[in-house]
Amino acid sequence: MRIVTGNDLVTGAVTWWTGKGWSIHVADAVDAGHEAEAIAAVEEAARRVNGPVVIEGVMTDAGPTPAHIKDRIRASGPTCRQDLGIRPDFQIEKA
């Protein structure tokens, strides 16, 4: 699974490509497949996202999950004050 992620231009929040736009919730992400790099380039050129990158992901019972720990941390928010995260109930586990 290939997921496109970047940052919101106004807030700096981590965002995830939904197939139609951007969401702050990784559960809304879709598999961009072979189109991932093209989507990232078009969205950045249109100034709808900052610094888009294509990452590997896996589908879990909770939905799309980044495969790498760094990206799972980006999806959940701070590690030192988890109550400040996007989803305080999200557990950072192995994919």
Protein backbone atom coordinates (compact mmCIF):
# COMPACT_ATOMS: atom_id res chain seq x y z
CA MET A 1 0.00 0.00 0.00
CA ARG A 2 1.37 3.43 -0.96
CA ILE A 3 0.14 6.41 1.03
CA VAL A 4 0.70 10.09 0.22
CA THR A 5 1.27 12.34 3.21
CA GLY A 6 2.34 15.94 3.67
CA ASN A 7 1.63 18.99 5.77
CA ASP A 8 -1.20 21.52 5.69
CA LEU A 9 -0.02 24.86 4.31
CA VAL A 10 -1.82 26.93 6.95
CA THR A 11 -1.61 24.90 10.15
CA GLY A 12 1.38 22.65 9.46
CA ALA A 13 -0.70 19.64 10.52
CA VAL A 14 0.18 16.24 9.08
CA THR A 15 -2.24 15.40 6.28
CA TRP A 16 -3.12 12.23 4.36
CA TRP A 17 -4.37 11.91 0.76
CA THR A 18 -7.97 10.64 0.69
CA GLY A 19 -8.38 10.22 -3.04
CA LYS A 20 -10.30 13.51 -3.26
CA GLY A 21 -8.40 15.82 -0.92
CA TRP A 22 -6.51 15.89 2.37
CA SER A 23 -7.44 14.78 5.88
CA ILE A 24 -5.69 15.01 9.25
CA HIS A 25 -6.86 11.45 10.00
CA VAL A 26 -4.71 8.60 8.72
CA ALA A 27 -7.81 6.37 8.72
CA ASP A 28 -9.06 8.45 5.77
CA ALA A 29 -5.96 7.69 3.66
CA VAL A 30 -6.25 5.63 0.50
CA ASP A 31 -3.82 3.45 -1.42
CA ALA A 32 -2.49 5.79 -4.12
CA GLY A 33 -0.77 2.91 -5.91
CA HIS A 34 1.34 3.70 -8.97
CA GLU A 35 -0.15 7.21 -9.12
CA ALA A 36 1.33 8.25 -5.75
CA GLU A 37 4.28 10.30 -7.03
CA ALA A 38 2.12 12.04 -9.65
CA ILE A 39 -0.52 12.89 -7.03
CA ALA A 40 2.16 14.32 -4.73
CA ALA A 41 3.62 16.44 -7.54
CA VAL A 42 0.25 17.78 -8.71
CA GLU A 43 -0.95 18.59 -5.20
CA GLU A 44 2.29 20.37 -4.28
CA ALA A 45 2.31 22.35 -7.54
CA ALA A 46 -1.30 23.41 -6.87
CA ARG A 47 -0.20 24.52 -3.36
CA ARG A 48 -2.73 22.28 -1.62
CA VAL A 49 -0.05 20.56 0.50
CA ASN A 50 3.51 21.19 1.64
CA GLY A 51 6.28 18.62 1.27
CA PRO A 52 4.26 15.62 0.13
CA VAL A 53 5.98 12.25 0.30
CA VAL A 54 4.97 8.72 -0.60
CA ILE A 55 5.27 6.20 2.22
CA GLU A 56 4.62 2.51 2.60
CA GLY A 57 1.54 1.50 4.54
CA VAL A 58 -0.41 -1.58 5.53
CA MET A 59 -4.13 -2.17 5.92
CA THR A 60 -5.04 -3.15 9.48
CA ASP A 61 -8.32 -3.66 11.31
CA ALA A 62 -8.09 0.04 12.26
CA GLY A 63 -7.64 1.05 8.62
CA PRO A 64 -4.57 2.30 6.76
CA THR A 65 -1.47 2.37 8.97
CA PRO A 66 1.99 3.68 8.07
CA ALA A 67 4.52 0.84 7.96
CA HIS A 68 7.46 2.79 9.43
CA ILE A 69 7.52 3.89 13.09
CA LYS A 70 8.42 7.48 12.11
CA ASP A 71 5.26 7.78 10.04
CA ARG A 72 3.13 6.08 12.71
CA ILE A 73 4.34 8.75 15.14
CA ARG A 74 3.42 11.45 12.59
CA ALA A 75 -0.05 9.89 12.35
CA SER A 76 -0.67 9.84 16.10
CA GLY A 77 0.93 13.09 17.27
CA PRO A 78 3.36 13.78 20.12
CA THR A 79 4.90 10.85 21.98
CA CYS A 80 5.62 12.69 25.23
CA ARG A 81 2.07 14.03 25.77
CA GLN A 82 -0.18 11.59 23.99
CA ASP A 83 -3.24 13.44 25.27
CA LEU A 84 -2.31 16.23 22.82
CA GLY A 85 -2.32 13.92 19.79
CA ILE A 86 -4.76 13.72 16.90
CA ARG A 87 -6.21 10.53 18.37
CA PRO A 88 -5.30 10.03 22.02
CA ASP A 89 -6.62 6.44 21.78
CA PHE A 90 -4.22 5.56 18.91
CA GLN A 91 -1.53 3.10 19.99
CA ILE A 92 1.86 3.13 18.26
CA GLU A 93 2.46 -0.54 17.52
CA LYS A 94 4.26 -2.57 14.94
CA ALA A 95 2.42 -2.64 11.64
